[in-house]
Amino acid sequence: EFAEMTKRCNAAGVRIYVDIIFNHMAAHQGDGTGGSST
């Protein structure tokens, strides 16, 4: 779905910028939105 968005938005002349996080990882213990555990 992300790939479809970038394709359609670029075709409409609208660029996509991702809010990206790599300073840290999660502090809460729990399941992830993709089913992973930590």
PDB file of all heavy atoms in Angstrom:
ATOM      1  N   GLU A   1       0.833  -1.208   0.000  1.00  0.00           N
ATOM      2  CA  GLU A   1       0.000   0.000   0.000  1.00  0.00           C
ATOM      3  C   GLU A   1       0.863   1.251   0.000  1.00  0.00           C
ATOM      4  O   GLU A   1       0.531   2.251  -0.654  1.00  0.00           O
ATOM      5  CB  GLU A   1      -0.936  -0.031   1.208  1.00  0.00           C
ATOM      6  CG  GLU A   1      -2.010  -1.102   1.103  1.00  0.00           C
ATOM      7  CD  GLU A   1      -2.735  -1.363   2.404  1.00  0.00           C
ATOM      8  OE1 GLU A   1      -2.097  -1.210   3.483  1.00  0.00           O
ATOM      9  OE2 GLU A   1      -3.919  -1.731   2.366  1.00  0.00           O
ATOM     10  N   PHE A   2       1.984   1.191   0.715  1.00  0.00           N
ATOM     11  CA  PHE A   2       2.920   2.323   0.700  1.00  0.00           C
ATOM     12  C   PHE A   2       3.449   2.550  -0.712  1.00  0.00           C
ATOM     13  O   PHE A   2       3.510   3.689  -1.197  1.00  0.00           O
ATOM     14  CB  PHE A   2       4.074   2.063   1.673  1.00  0.00           C
ATOM     15  CG  PHE A   2       5.066   3.183   1.741  1.00  0.00           C
ATOM     16  CD1 PHE A   2       4.877   4.246   2.600  1.00  0.00           C
ATOM     17  CD2 PHE A   2       6.195   3.183   0.926  1.00  0.00           C
ATOM     18  CE1 PHE A   2       5.784   5.304   2.659  1.00  0.00           C
ATOM     19  CE2 PHE A   2       7.106   4.223   0.972  1.00  0.00           C
ATOM     20  CZ  PHE A   2       6.901   5.280   1.839  1.00  0.00           C
ATOM     21  N   ALA A   3       3.825   1.467  -1.379  1.00  0.00           N
ATOM     22  CA  ALA A   3       4.351   1.582  -2.745  1.00  0.00           C
ATOM     23  C   ALA A   3       3.301   2.144  -3.702  1.00  0.00           C
ATOM     24  O   ALA A   3       3.622   2.946  -4.592  1.00  0.00           O
ATOM     25  CB  ALA A   3       4.837   0.212  -3.221  1.00  0.00           C
ATOM     26  N   GLU A   4       2.049   1.740  -3.517  1.00  0.00           N
ATOM     27  CA  GLU A   4       0.988   2.279  -4.361  1.00  0.00           C
ATOM     28  C   GLU A   4       0.823   3.775  -4.134  1.00  0.00           C
ATOM     29  O   GLU A   4       0.615   4.548  -5.078  1.00  0.00           O
ATOM     30  CB  GLU A   4      -0.331   1.564  -4.094  1.00  0.00           C
ATOM     31  CG  GLU A   4      -1.464   2.059  -4.985  1.00  0.00           C
ATOM     32  CD  GLU A   4      -2.770   1.329  -4.788  1.00  0.00           C
ATOM     33  OE1 GLU A   4      -2.771   0.240  -4.200  1.00  0.00           O
ATOM     34  OE2 GLU A   4      -3.811   1.877  -5.223  1.00  0.00           O
ATOM     35  N   MET A   5       0.921   4.206  -2.876  1.00  0.00           N
ATOM     36  CA  MET A   5       0.814   5.624  -2.562  1.00  0.00           C
ATOM     37  C   MET A   5       1.900   6.440  -3.252  1.00  0.00           C
ATOM     38  O   MET A   5       1.619   7.472  -3.878  1.00  0.00           O
ATOM     39  CB  MET A   5       0.902   5.831  -1.052  1.00  0.00           C
ATOM     40  CG  MET A   5       0.972   7.295  -0.612  1.00  0.00           C
ATOM     41  SD  MET A   5       1.381   7.484   1.135  1.00  0.00           S
ATOM     42  CE  MET A   5       3.072   6.880   1.171  1.00  0.00           C
ATOM     43  N   THR A   6       3.152   6.013  -3.128  1.00  0.00           N
ATOM     44  CA  THR A   6       4.231   6.797  -3.741  1.00  0.00           C
ATOM     45  C   THR A   6       4.065   6.875  -5.254  1.00  0.00           C
ATOM     46  O   THR A   6       4.308   7.920  -5.861  1.00  0.00           O
ATOM     47  CB  THR A   6       5.613   6.201  -3.399  1.00  0.00           C
ATOM     48  OG1 THR A   6       5.703   4.862  -3.885  1.00  0.00           O
ATOM     49  CG2 THR A   6       5.877   6.229  -1.912  1.00  0.00           C
ATOM     50  N   LYS A   7       3.627   5.781  -5.861  1.00  0.00           N
ATOM     51  CA  LYS A   7       3.423   5.773  -7.311  1.00  0.00           C
ATOM     52  C   LYS A   7       2.336   6.764  -7.714  1.00  0.00           C
ATOM     53  O   LYS A   7       2.520   7.578  -8.635  1.00  0.00           O
ATOM     54  CB  LYS A   7       3.054   4.367  -7.764  1.00  0.00           C
ATOM     55  CG  LYS A   7       2.812   4.239  -9.265  1.00  0.00           C
ATOM     56  CD  LYS A   7       2.451   2.801  -9.637  1.00  0.00           C
ATOM     57  CE  LYS A   7       2.195   2.662 -11.125  1.00  0.00           C
ATOM     58  NZ  LYS A   7       1.848   1.263 -11.498  1.00  0.00           N
ATOM     59  N   ARG A   8       1.218   6.727  -7.021  1.00  0.00           N
ATOM     60  CA  ARG A   8       0.088   7.593  -7.377  1.00  0.00           C
ATOM     61  C   ARG A   8       0.363   9.060  -7.048  1.00  0.00           C
ATOM     62  O   ARG A   8      -0.020   9.956  -7.817  1.00  0.00           O
ATOM     63  CB  ARG A   8      -1.179   7.091  -6.682  1.00  0.00           C
ATOM     64  CG  ARG A   8      -1.687   5.774  -7.253  1.00  0.00           C
ATOM     65  CD  ARG A   8      -2.744   5.125  -6.377  1.00  0.00           C
ATOM     66  NE  ARG A   8      -3.921   5.967  -6.196  1.00  0.00           N
ATOM     67  CZ  ARG A   8      -4.952   5.634  -5.416  1.00  0.00           C
ATOM     68  NH1 ARG A   8      -4.928   4.478  -4.752  1.00  0.00           N
ATOM     69  NH2 ARG A   8      -5.988   6.450  -5.302  1.00  0.00           N
ATOM     70  N   CYS A   9       1.017   9.312  -5.926  1.00  0.00           N
ATOM     71  CA  CYS A   9       1.305  10.701  -5.554  1.00  0.00           C
ATOM     72  C   CYS A   9       2.329  11.323  -6.499  1.00  0.00           C
ATOM     73  O   CYS A   9       2.163  12.471  -6.934  1.00  0.00           O
ATOM     74  CB  CYS A   9       1.770  10.777  -4.106  1.00  0.00           C
ATOM     75  SG  CYS A   9       0.435  10.540  -2.899  1.00  0.00           S
ATOM     76  N   ASN A  10       3.387  10.592  -6.812  1.00  0.00           N
ATOM     77  CA  ASN A  10       4.370  11.130  -7.761  1.00  0.00           C
ATOM     78  C   ASN A  10       3.734  11.405  -9.119  1.00  0.00           C
ATOM     79  O   ASN A  10       4.050  12.401  -9.777  1.00  0.00           O
ATOM     80  CB  ASN A  10       5.547  10.165  -7.909  1.00  0.00           C
ATOM     81  CG  ASN A  10       6.559  10.297  -6.790  1.00  0.00           C
ATOM     82  OD1 ASN A  10       6.978  11.400  -6.454  1.00  0.00           O
ATOM     83  ND2 ASN A  10       6.949   9.185  -6.199  1.00  0.00           N
ATOM     84  N   ALA A  11       2.833  10.540  -9.541  1.00  0.00           N
ATOM     85  CA  ALA A  11       2.140  10.751 -10.818  1.00  0.00           C
ATOM     86  C   ALA A  11       1.277  12.006 -10.784  1.00  0.00           C
ATOM     87  O   ALA A  11       1.041  12.634 -11.817  1.00  0.00           O
ATOM     88  CB  ALA A  11       1.280   9.528 -11.157  1.00  0.00           C
ATOM     89  N   ALA A  12       0.817  12.382  -9.581  1.00  0.00           N
ATOM     90  CA  ALA A  12       0.003  13.595  -9.420  1.00  0.00           C
ATOM     91  C   ALA A  12       0.863  14.837  -9.180  1.00  0.00           C
ATOM     92  O   ALA A  12       0.328  15.929  -8.947  1.00  0.00           O
ATOM     93  CB  ALA A  12      -0.976  13.404  -8.256  1.00  0.00           C
ATOM     94  N   GLY A  13       2.186  14.679  -9.221  1.00  0.00           N
ATOM     95  CA  GLY A  13       3.088  15.809  -9.008  1.00  0.00           C
ATOM     96  C   GLY A  13       3.342  16.125  -7.559  1.00  0.00           C
ATOM     97  O   GLY A  13       3.833  17.210  -7.226  1.00  0.00           O
ATOM     98  N   VAL A  14       3.038  15.186  -6.659  1.00  0.00           N
ATOM     99  CA  VAL A  14       3.172  15.405  -5.221  1.00  0.00           C
ATOM    100  C   VAL A  14       4.218  14.438  -4.671  1.00  0.00           C
ATOM    101  O   VAL A  14       4.090  13.221  -4.806  1.00  0.00           O
ATOM    102  CB  VAL A  14       1.816  15.192  -4.500  1.00  0.00           C
ATOM    103  CG1 VAL A  14       1.962  15.472  -3.011  1.00  0.00           C
ATOM    104  CG2 VAL A  14       0.735  16.086  -5.112  1.00  0.00           C
ATOM    105  N   ARG A  15       5.245  14.985  -4.034  1.00  0.00           N
ATOM    106  CA  ARG A  15       6.343  14.176  -3.511  1.00  0.00           C
ATOM    107  C   ARG A  15       6.021  13.636  -2.110  1.00  0.00           C
ATOM    108  O   ARG A  15       5.232  14.238  -1.375  1.00  0.00           O
ATOM    109  CB  ARG A  15       7.632  14.995  -3.448  1.00  0.00           C
ATOM    110  CG  ARG A  15       8.076  15.584  -4.777  1.00  0.00           C
ATOM    111  CD  ARG A  15       8.154  14.568  -5.883  1.00  0.00           C
ATOM    112  NE  ARG A  15       8.909  15.050  -7.047  1.00  0.00           N
ATOM    113  CZ  ARG A  15       8.942  14.430  -8.202  1.00  0.00           C
ATOM    114  NH1 ARG A  15       8.257  13.307  -8.376  1.00  0.00           N
ATOM    115  NH2 ARG A  15       9.650  14.905  -9.210  1.00  0.00           N
ATOM    116  N   ILE A  16       6.675  12.526  -1.733  1.00  0.00           N
ATOM    117  CA  ILE A  16       6.459  11.895  -0.442  1.00  0.00           C
ATOM    118  C   ILE A  16       7.745  11.955   0.381  1.00  0.00           C
ATOM    119  O   ILE A  16       8.827  11.593  -0.101  1.00  0.00           O
ATOM    120  CB  ILE A  16       6.016  10.426  -0.601  1.00  0.00           C
ATOM    121  CG1 ILE A  16       4.662  10.344  -1.303  1.00  0.00           C
ATOM    122  CG2 ILE A  16       5.961   9.724   0.763  1.00  0.00           C
ATOM    123  CD1 ILE A  16       3.501  10.928  -0.528  1.00  0.00           C
ATOM    124  N   TYR A  17       7.611  12.403   1.632  1.00  0.00           N
ATOM    125  CA  TYR A  17       8.733  12.492   2.570  1.00  0.00           C
ATOM    126  C   TYR A  17       8.382  11.682   3.814  1.00  0.00           C
ATOM    127  O   TYR A  17       7.346  11.905   4.438  1.00  0.00           O
ATOM    128  CB  TYR A  17       9.014  13.944   2.948  1.00  0.00           C
ATOM    129  CG  TYR A  17       9.148  14.841   1.731  1.00  0.00           C
ATOM    130  CD1 TYR A  17       8.039  15.526   1.224  1.00  0.00           C
ATOM    131  CD2 TYR A  17      10.363  14.971   1.075  1.00  0.00           C
ATOM    132  CE1 TYR A  17       8.140  16.317   0.090  1.00  0.00           C
ATOM    133  CE2 TYR A  17      10.473  15.764  -0.067  1.00  0.00           C
ATOM    134  CZ  TYR A  17       9.360  16.435  -0.554  1.00  0.00           C
ATOM    135  OH  TYR A  17       9.462  17.207  -1.676  1.00  0.00           O
ATOM    136  N   VAL A  18       9.252  10.750   4.171  1.00  0.00           N
ATOM    137  CA  VAL A  18       8.979   9.836   5.278  1.00  0.00           C
ATOM    138  C   VAL A  18       9.567  10.370   6.577  1.00  0.00           C
ATOM    139  O   VAL A  18      10.734  10.753   6.632  1.00  0.00           O
ATOM    140  CB  VAL A  18       9.556   8.438   4.983  1.00  0.00           C
ATOM    141  CG1 VAL A  18       9.492   7.549   6.215  1.00  0.00           C
ATOM    142  CG2 VAL A  18       8.804   7.793   3.822  1.00  0.00           C
ATOM    143  N   ASP A  19       8.750  10.375   7.621  1.00  0.00           N
ATOM    144  CA  ASP A  19       9.215  10.669   8.969  1.00  0.00           C
ATOM    145  C   ASP A  19       9.903   9.399   9.476  1.00  0.00           C
ATOM    146  O   ASP A  19       9.242   8.401   9.768  1.00  0.00           O
ATOM    147  CB  ASP A  19       8.001  11.016   9.838  1.00  0.00           C
ATOM    148  CG  ASP A  19       8.387  11.720  11.137  1.00  0.00           C
ATOM    149  OD1 ASP A  19       9.584  11.751  11.466  1.00  0.00           O
ATOM    150  OD2 ASP A  19       7.480  12.222  11.827  1.00  0.00           O
ATOM    151  N   ILE A  20      11.231   9.422   9.537  1.00  0.00           N
ATOM    152  CA  ILE A  20      11.982   8.198   9.823  1.00  0.00           C
ATOM    153  C   ILE A  20      12.674   8.285  11.185  1.00  0.00           C
ATOM    154  O   ILE A  20      13.126   9.353  11.596  1.00  0.00           O
ATOM    155  CB  ILE A  20      13.000   7.914   8.695  1.00  0.00           C
ATOM    156  CG1 ILE A  20      13.509   6.492   8.780  1.00  0.00           C
ATOM    157  CG2 ILE A  20      14.129   8.928   8.684  1.00  0.00           C
ATOM    158  CD1 ILE A  20      14.216   6.015   7.534  1.00  0.00           C
ATOM    159  N   ILE A  21      12.724   7.135  11.879  1.00  0.00           N
ATOM    160  CA  ILE A  21      13.233   7.100  13.249  1.00  0.00           C
ATOM    161  C   ILE A  21      14.365   6.096  13.336  1.00  0.00           C
ATOM    162  O   ILE A  21      14.161   4.893  13.122  1.00  0.00           O
ATOM    163  CB  ILE A  21      12.116   6.698  14.234  1.00  0.00           C
ATOM    164  CG1 ILE A  21      10.966   7.680  14.127  1.00  0.00           C
ATOM    165  CG2 ILE A  21      12.633   6.660  15.674  1.00  0.00           C
ATOM    166  CD1 ILE A  21       9.630   7.058  14.353  1.00  0.00           C
ATOM    167  N   PHE A  22      15.570   6.579  13.644  1.00  0.00           N
ATOM    168  CA  PHE A  22      16.672   5.651  13.864  1.00  0.00           C
ATOM    169  C   PHE A  22      17.603   6.130  14.974  1.00  0.00           C
ATOM    170  O   PHE A  22      18.717   5.622  15.138  1.00  0.00           O
ATOM    171  CB  PHE A  22      17.444   5.364  12.570  1.00  0.00           C
ATOM    172  CG  PHE A  22      17.933   6.575  11.813  1.00  0.00           C
ATOM    173  CD1 PHE A  22      19.094   7.230  12.188  1.00  0.00           C
ATOM    174  CD2 PHE A  22      17.255   7.029  10.688  1.00  0.00           C
ATOM    175  CE1 PHE A  22      19.570   8.311  11.473  1.00  0.00           C
ATOM    176  CE2 PHE A  22      17.721   8.119   9.958  1.00  0.00           C
ATOM    177  CZ  PHE A  22      18.889   8.767  10.359  1.00  0.00           C
ATOM    178  N   ASN A  23      17.142   7.086  15.790  1.00  0.00           N
ATOM    179  CA  ASN A  23      17.875   7.454  16.993  1.00  0.00           C
ATOM    180  C   ASN A  23      17.717   6.397  18.074  1.00  0.00           C
ATOM    181  O   ASN A  23      18.605   6.179  18.888  1.00  0.00           O
ATOM    182  CB  ASN A  23      17.366   8.801  17.529  1.00  0.00           C
ATOM    183  CG  ASN A  23      17.928   9.123  18.908  1.00  0.00           C
ATOM    184  OD1 ASN A  23      19.117   9.370  19.058  1.00  0.00           O
ATOM    185  ND2 ASN A  23      17.073   9.089  19.932  1.00  0.00           N
ATOM    186  N   HIS A  24      16.571   5.731  18.057  1.00  0.00           N
ATOM    187  CA  HIS A  24      16.219   4.850  19.171  1.00  0.00           C
ATOM    188  C   HIS A  24      15.277   3.741  18.711  1.00  0.00           C
ATOM    189  O   HIS A  24      14.810   3.749  17.572  1.00  0.00           O
ATOM    190  CB  HIS A  24      15.550   5.669  20.276  1.00  0.00           C
ATOM    191  CG  HIS A  24      14.339   6.418  19.789  1.00  0.00           C
ATOM    192  ND1 HIS A  24      14.387   7.749  19.417  1.00  0.00           N
ATOM    193  CD2 HIS A  24      13.045   6.031  19.572  1.00  0.00           C
ATOM    194  CE1 HIS A  24      13.191   8.136  19.018  1.00  0.00           C
ATOM    195  NE2 HIS A  24      12.357   7.106  19.099  1.00  0.00           N
ATOM    196  N   MET A  25      14.973   2.853  19.639  1.00  0.00           N
ATOM    197  CA  MET A  25      13.957   1.824  19.421  1.00  0.00           C
ATOM    198  C   MET A  25      12.903   1.960  20.525  1.00  0.00           C
ATOM    199  O   MET A  25      12.973   2.855  21.361  1.00  0.00           O
ATOM    200  CB  MET A  25      14.593   0.430  19.431  1.00  0.00           C
ATOM    201  CG  MET A  25      15.584   0.189  18.301  1.00  0.00           C
ATOM    202  SD  MET A  25      14.869   0.265  16.633  1.00  0.00           S
ATOM    203  CE  MET A  25      13.964  -1.286  16.586  1.00  0.00           C
ATOM    204  N   ALA A  26      11.909   1.082  20.514  1.00  0.00           N
ATOM    205  CA  ALA A  26      10.782   1.181  21.436  1.00  0.00           C
ATOM    206  C   ALA A  26      11.207   0.970  22.888  1.00  0.00           C
ATOM    207  O   ALA A  26      12.053   0.117  23.196  1.00  0.00           O
ATOM    208  CB  ALA A  26       9.708   0.166  21.061  1.00  0.00           C
ATOM    209  N   ALA A  27      10.592   1.749  23.781  1.00  0.00           N
ATOM    210  CA  ALA A  27      10.830   1.584  25.221  1.00  0.00           C
ATOM    211  C   ALA A  27       9.765   0.714  25.866  1.00  0.00           C
ATOM    212  O   ALA A  27       9.999   0.121  26.926  1.00  0.00           O
ATOM    213  CB  ALA A  27      10.866   2.945  25.904  1.00  0.00           C
ATOM    214  N   HIS A  28       8.584   0.648  25.250  1.00  0.00           N
ATOM    215  CA  HIS A  28       7.496  -0.168  25.790  1.00  0.00           C
ATOM    216  C   HIS A  28       7.658  -1.628  25.362  1.00  0.00           C
ATOM    217  O   HIS A  28       8.092  -1.907  24.243  1.00  0.00           O
ATOM    218  CB  HIS A  28       6.132   0.349  25.317  1.00  0.00           C
ATOM    219  CG  HIS A  28       5.689   1.598  26.011  1.00  0.00           C
ATOM    220  ND1 HIS A  28       6.240   2.826  25.738  1.00  0.00           N
ATOM    221  CD2 HIS A  28       4.745   1.801  26.972  1.00  0.00           C
ATOM    222  CE1 HIS A  28       5.652   3.751  26.491  1.00  0.00           C
ATOM    223  NE2 HIS A  28       4.754   3.147  27.251  1.00  0.00           N
ATOM    224  N   GLN A  29       7.298  -2.524  26.259  1.00  0.00           N
ATOM    225  CA  GLN A  29       7.299  -3.950  25.934  1.00  0.00           C
ATOM    226  C   GLN A  29       5.924  -4.326  25.406  1.00  0.00           C
ATOM    227  O   GLN A  29       4.910  -4.017  26.018  1.00  0.00           O
ATOM    228  CB  GLN A  29       7.603  -4.779  27.188  1.00  0.00           C
ATOM    229  CG  GLN A  29       7.657  -6.273  26.950  1.00  0.00           C
ATOM    230  CD  GLN A  29       8.868  -6.689  26.123  1.00  0.00           C
ATOM    231  OE1 GLN A  29       9.973  -6.240  26.372  1.00  0.00           O
ATOM    232  NE2 GLN A  29       8.651  -7.526  25.124  1.00  0.00           N
ATOM    233  N   GLY A  30       5.868  -4.989  24.270  1.00  0.00           N
ATOM    234  CA  GLY A  30       4.580  -5.401  23.727  1.00  0.00           C
ATOM    235  C   GLY A  30       4.715  -5.883  22.300  1.00  0.00           C
ATOM    236  O   GLY A  30       5.806  -5.866  21.711  1.00  0.00           O
ATOM    237  N   ASP A  31       3.598  -6.302  21.734  1.00  0.00           N
ATOM    238  CA  ASP A  31       3.589  -6.749  20.344  1.00  0.00           C
ATOM    239  C   ASP A  31       3.727  -5.555  19.407  1.00  0.00           C
ATOM    240  O   ASP A  31       3.361  -4.424  19.744  1.00  0.00           O
ATOM    241  CB  ASP A  31       2.290  -7.492  20.037  1.00  0.00           C
ATOM    242  CG  ASP A  31       2.178  -8.793  20.815  1.00  0.00           C
ATOM    243  OD1 ASP A  31       3.229  -9.383  21.119  1.00  0.00           O
ATOM    244  OD2 ASP A  31       1.040  -9.202  21.126  1.00  0.00           O
ATOM    245  N   GLY A  32       4.218  -5.840  18.200  1.00  0.00           N
ATOM    246  CA  GLY A  32       4.353  -4.793  17.200  1.00  0.00           C
ATOM    247  C   GLY A  32       3.234  -4.839  16.189  1.00  0.00           C
ATOM    248  O   GLY A  32       2.496  -5.827  16.094  1.00  0.00           O
ATOM    249  N   THR A  33       3.096  -3.766  15.404  1.00  0.00           N
ATOM    250  CA  THR A  33       2.039  -3.686  14.395  1.00  0.00           C
ATOM    251  C   THR A  33       2.239  -4.683  13.263  1.00  0.00           C
ATOM    252  O   THR A  33       1.314  -4.930  12.492  1.00  0.00           O
ATOM    253  CB  THR A  33       1.963  -2.258  13.817  1.00  0.00           C
ATOM    254  OG1 THR A  33       3.292  -1.840  13.429  1.00  0.00           O
ATOM    255  CG2 THR A  33       1.404  -1.280  14.833  1.00  0.00           C
ATOM    256  N   GLY A  34       3.439  -5.265  13.183  1.00  0.00           N
ATOM    257  CA  GLY A  34       3.694  -6.300  12.196  1.00  0.00           C
ATOM    258  C   GLY A  34       3.778  -7.690  12.795  1.00  0.00           C
ATOM    259  O   GLY A  34       4.179  -8.634  12.116  1.00  0.00           O
ATOM    260  N   GLY A  35       3.433  -7.799  14.082  1.00  0.00           N
ATOM    261  CA  GLY A  35       3.423  -9.104  14.734  1.00  0.00           C
ATOM    262  C   GLY A  35       4.716  -9.503  15.400  1.00  0.00           C
ATOM    263  O   GLY A  35       4.821 -10.601  15.949  1.00  0.00           O
ATOM    264  N   SER A  36       5.730  -8.639  15.387  1.00  0.00           N
ATOM    265  CA  SER A  36       7.006  -9.007  15.992  1.00  0.00           C
ATOM    266  C   SER A  36       6.953  -8.837  17.507  1.00  0.00           C
ATOM    267  O   SER A  36       6.131  -8.092  18.041  1.00  0.00           O
ATOM    268  CB  SER A  36       8.142  -8.170  15.409  1.00  0.00           C
ATOM    269  OG  SER A  36       8.044  -6.834  15.860  1.00  0.00           O
ATOM    270  N   SER A  37       7.859  -9.516  18.182  1.00  0.00           N
ATOM    271  CA  SER A  37       7.976  -9.380  19.633  1.00  0.00           C
ATOM    272  C   SER A  37       9.423  -9.051  19.977  1.00  0.00           C
ATOM    273  O   SER A  37      10.338  -9.345  19.198  1.00  0.00           O
ATOM    274  CB  SER A  37       7.550 -10.672  20.336  1.00  0.00           C
ATOM    275  OG  SER A  37       8.347 -11.760  19.898  1.00  0.00           O
ATOM    276  N   THR A  38       9.624  -8.438  21.126  1.00  0.00           N
ATOM    277  CA  THR A  38      10.954  -8.001  21.536  1.00  0.00           C
ATOM    278  C   THR A  38      11.143  -8.280  23.019  1.00  0.00           C
ATOM    279  O   THR A  38      10.199  -8.622  23.732  1.00  0.00           O
ATOM    280  CB  THR A  38      11.131  -6.486  21.307  1.00  0.00           C
ATOM    281  OG1 THR A  38      10.152  -5.785  22.084  1.00  0.00           O
ATOM    282  CG2 THR A  38      10.958  -6.124  19.855  1.00  0.00           C
TER     283      THR A  38
END
